[in-house]
């Protein structure tokens, strides 16, 4: 009896482990690895009071941006993906479909200014989050990330990674249309 049980365990256990591993791998097929759900969707954006990159004596608060929906784009001059994304952010800003504000994250102001001078500054304003506390409050995992915030200061959408033409067409434009329709 012990011997047949031992043979059974040796024969069946590897098969069970293999099947469990295959099922685990299959559960991830078709899922977007960039889709990281945010617990902040549908909730008020965190309070912030940050200096403007171009006017450091001027502080921008969450309340200053109420009454408009906007895209808050988290970026840094040290971020290679931010460089790749930048032409699309510029196109979104130039199109006028949504105001775009930058959140310069953990960056030296001189580096951020030089980067914007080199690649262009599409932002209505750039908030400086040198220590990264505001980004933490927003649940930022890494740059680039972007948030669509509505007129009441509610986070409506989060884009993890680069804003691409597909993201604009499939995520941002439909959401902007809904917000414009008051939904």
Protein backbone atom coordinates (compact mmCIF):
# COMPACT_ATOMS: atom_id res chain seq x y z
CA UNK A 1 0.00 0.00 0.00
CA UNK A 2 2.80 2.40 0.91
CA UNK A 3 4.63 1.56 -2.29
CA UNK A 4 1.62 2.15 -4.55
CA UNK A 5 0.92 5.44 -2.76
CA UNK A 6 4.53 6.53 -3.27
CA UNK A 7 4.39 5.63 -6.96
CA UNK A 8 1.08 7.47 -7.30
CA UNK A 9 2.51 10.63 -5.68
CA UNK A 10 5.64 10.49 -7.84
CA UNK A 11 3.58 10.06 -11.00
CA UNK A 12 0.66 12.39 -10.33
CA UNK A 13 2.23 15.22 -8.31
CA UNK A 14 4.44 16.49 -11.16
CA UNK A 15 1.45 16.38 -13.50
CA UNK A 16 -0.69 18.38 -11.04
CA UNK A 17 2.09 20.96 -10.58
CA UNK A 18 2.55 21.22 -14.36
CA UNK A 19 -1.19 21.71 -14.98
CA UNK A 20 -1.36 24.37 -12.24
CA UNK A 21 1.60 26.19 -13.80
CA UNK A 22 0.02 26.11 -17.27
CA UNK A 23 -3.27 27.44 -15.89
CA UNK A 24 -1.43 30.24 -14.13
CA UNK A 25 0.34 31.23 -17.35
CA UNK A 26 -2.87 31.05 -19.37
CA UNK A 27 -4.67 33.33 -16.94
CA UNK A 28 -2.36 36.17 -18.03
CA UNK A 29 -2.84 35.71 -21.78
CA UNK A 30 -4.71 38.59 -23.35
CA UNK A 31 -4.32 40.87 -20.36
CA UNK A 32 -2.61 44.21 -20.72
CA UNK A 33 0.49 44.19 -18.49
CA UNK A 34 0.45 48.01 -18.48
CA UNK A 35 -3.03 48.08 -16.99
CA UNK A 36 -2.51 48.68 -13.30
CA UNK A 37 -5.83 49.50 -11.71
CA UNK A 38 -5.77 52.58 -9.53
CA UNK A 39 -7.80 52.69 -6.34
CA UNK A 40 -8.07 56.45 -6.90
CA UNK A 41 -10.29 56.23 -10.01
CA UNK A 42 -13.60 57.91 -9.13
CA UNK A 43 -12.10 59.56 -6.04
CA UNK A 44 -10.88 63.11 -5.45
CA UNK A 45 -7.35 63.83 -6.60
CA UNK A 46 -4.99 64.29 -3.68
CA UNK A 47 -4.46 67.79 -2.39
CA UNK A 48 -1.25 69.41 -3.55
CA UNK A 49 0.53 72.76 -3.39
CA UNK A 50 3.58 72.74 -5.65
CA UNK A 51 5.78 75.42 -7.16
CA UNK A 52 5.59 76.19 -10.87
CA UNK A 53 8.73 75.19 -12.77
CA UNK A 54 8.86 78.48 -14.66
CA UNK A 55 7.78 80.69 -11.74
CA UNK A 56 9.09 78.99 -8.59
CA UNK A 57 7.60 81.68 -6.34
CA UNK A 58 4.11 80.79 -7.62
CA UNK A 59 2.43 77.85 -5.93
CA UNK A 60 -0.18 75.82 -7.79
CA UNK A 61 -2.82 74.08 -5.72
CA UNK A 62 -5.40 71.48 -6.61
CA UNK A 63 -8.09 74.11 -6.09
CA UNK A 64 -6.52 76.33 -8.75
CA UNK A 65 -7.29 73.70 -11.39
CA UNK A 66 -10.92 73.03 -10.42
CA UNK A 67 -13.60 73.95 -12.93
CA UNK A 68 -11.79 72.37 -15.88
CA UNK A 69 -10.94 68.84 -16.82
CA UNK A 70 -7.26 68.29 -17.52
CA UNK A 71 -4.55 65.76 -18.14
CA UNK A 72 -1.79 65.62 -15.52
CA UNK A 73 1.30 64.11 -17.13
CA UNK A 74 4.00 62.80 -14.77
CA UNK A 75 7.43 63.06 -16.35
CA UNK A 76 11.12 63.62 -15.67
CA UNK A 77 14.11 64.62 -17.76
CA UNK A 78 15.81 61.42 -16.56
CA UNK A 79 13.00 59.24 -18.01
CA UNK A 80 13.70 57.65 -21.44
CA UNK A 81 10.03 56.69 -21.95
CA UNK A 82 9.01 60.29 -21.27
CA UNK A 83 11.16 61.34 -24.23
CA UNK A 84 9.42 58.76 -26.44
CA UNK A 85 5.98 59.90 -25.24
CA UNK A 86 6.66 63.63 -25.48
CA UNK A 87 5.66 64.17 -29.14
CA UNK A 88 2.25 62.61 -28.43
CA UNK A 89 1.76 64.72 -25.28
CA UNK A 90 2.67 67.75 -27.40
CA UNK A 91 0.13 66.73 -30.04
CA UNK A 92 -2.61 66.29 -27.42
CA UNK A 93 -1.82 69.71 -25.93
CA UNK A 94 -1.74 71.43 -29.34
CA UNK A 95 -5.02 69.81 -30.40
CA UNK A 96 -6.81 71.58 -27.58
CA UNK A 97 -8.87 68.48 -26.72
CA UNK A 98 -7.78 68.72 -23.10
CA UNK A 99 -5.49 71.09 -21.16
CA UNK A 100 -2.22 69.37 -20.25
CA UNK A 101 -0.30 70.07 -17.07
CA UNK A 102 3.05 68.53 -16.27
CA UNK A 103 4.09 67.05 -12.96
CA UNK A 104 7.88 67.08 -13.04
CA UNK A 105 8.81 64.22 -10.75
CA UNK A 106 12.05 63.92 -8.78
CA UNK A 107 13.97 66.10 -11.19
CA UNK A 108 16.39 68.97 -10.92
CA UNK A 109 14.60 72.13 -12.12
CA UNK A 110 17.56 73.08 -14.33
CA UNK A 111 17.45 69.67 -16.03
CA UNK A 112 13.68 69.89 -16.51
CA UNK A 113 13.93 73.38 -18.05
CA UNK A 114 16.75 72.31 -20.37
CA UNK A 115 14.73 69.23 -21.43
CA UNK A 116 11.67 71.35 -22.22
CA UNK A 117 13.85 73.86 -24.07
CA UNK A 118 15.24 71.05 -26.21
CA UNK A 119 12.05 69.08 -26.89
CA UNK A 120 9.37 71.75 -26.50
CA UNK A 121 7.05 72.72 -23.67
CA UNK A 122 3.45 71.61 -24.33
CA UNK A 123 2.26 72.22 -20.78
CA UNK A 124 -0.04 74.96 -19.54
CA UNK A 125 2.12 74.83 -16.46
CA UNK A 126 4.59 72.43 -14.87
CA UNK A 127 4.28 71.54 -11.21
CA UNK A 128 7.55 70.61 -9.51
CA UNK A 129 7.45 67.52 -7.28
CA UNK A 130 11.11 67.43 -6.38
CA UNK A 131 10.71 65.11 -3.38
CA UNK A 132 8.07 62.92 -5.02
CA UNK A 133 5.45 63.18 -2.27
CA UNK A 134 2.63 64.27 -4.58
CA UNK A 135 3.42 61.47 -7.01
CA UNK A 136 3.22 59.02 -4.12
CA UNK A 137 -0.16 60.47 -3.14
CA UNK A 138 -1.33 59.86 -6.73
CA UNK A 139 -0.05 56.27 -6.59
CA UNK A 140 2.58 56.76 -9.27
CA UNK A 141 4.65 53.63 -9.93
CA UNK A 142 7.01 55.20 -12.45
CA UNK A 143 7.18 57.80 -15.16
CA UNK A 144 5.50 58.38 -17.45
CA UNK A 145 2.02 58.16 -16.01
CA UNK A 146 -0.92 60.43 -16.70
CA UNK A 147 -4.22 61.18 -15.01
CA UNK A 148 -7.43 62.60 -16.42
CA UNK A 149 -9.02 64.77 -13.74
CA UNK A 150 -12.50 66.23 -14.13
CA UNK A 151 -13.90 69.67 -13.29
CA UNK A 152 -14.66 68.65 -9.71
CA UNK A 153 -11.14 67.33 -9.12
CA UNK A 154 -12.12 63.65 -9.45
CA UNK A 155 -9.62 61.26 -11.05
CA UNK A 156 -11.44 59.71 -13.99
CA UNK A 157 -8.63 57.74 -15.67
CA UNK A 158 -5.01 56.71 -15.27
CA UNK A 159 -2.58 55.91 -18.07
CA UNK A 160 0.39 53.84 -16.98
CA UNK A 161 3.28 54.22 -19.38
CA UNK A 162 3.46 56.23 -22.55
CA UNK A 163 0.56 58.06 -24.11
CA UNK A 164 0.36 56.60 -27.61
CA UNK A 165 -1.98 57.30 -30.53
CA UNK A 166 -3.91 54.18 -29.48
CA UNK A 167 -4.29 55.47 -25.93
CA UNK A 168 -5.57 58.79 -27.25
CA UNK A 169 -8.07 57.14 -29.64
CA UNK A 170 -9.24 54.30 -27.41
CA UNK A 171 -9.06 55.79 -23.92
CA UNK A 172 -8.70 59.57 -23.78
CA UNK A 173 -11.03 60.74 -26.57
CA UNK A 174 -14.01 58.59 -25.50
CA UNK A 175 -13.58 59.74 -21.90
CA UNK A 176 -13.26 63.40 -22.90
CA UNK A 177 -16.43 63.12 -24.97
CA UNK A 178 -18.27 61.65 -21.97
CA UNK A 179 -17.03 64.43 -19.72
CA UNK A 180 -18.04 67.07 -22.26
CA UNK A 181 -21.51 65.49 -22.38
CA UNK A 182 -21.69 65.77 -18.61
CA UNK A 183 -21.47 62.04 -17.91
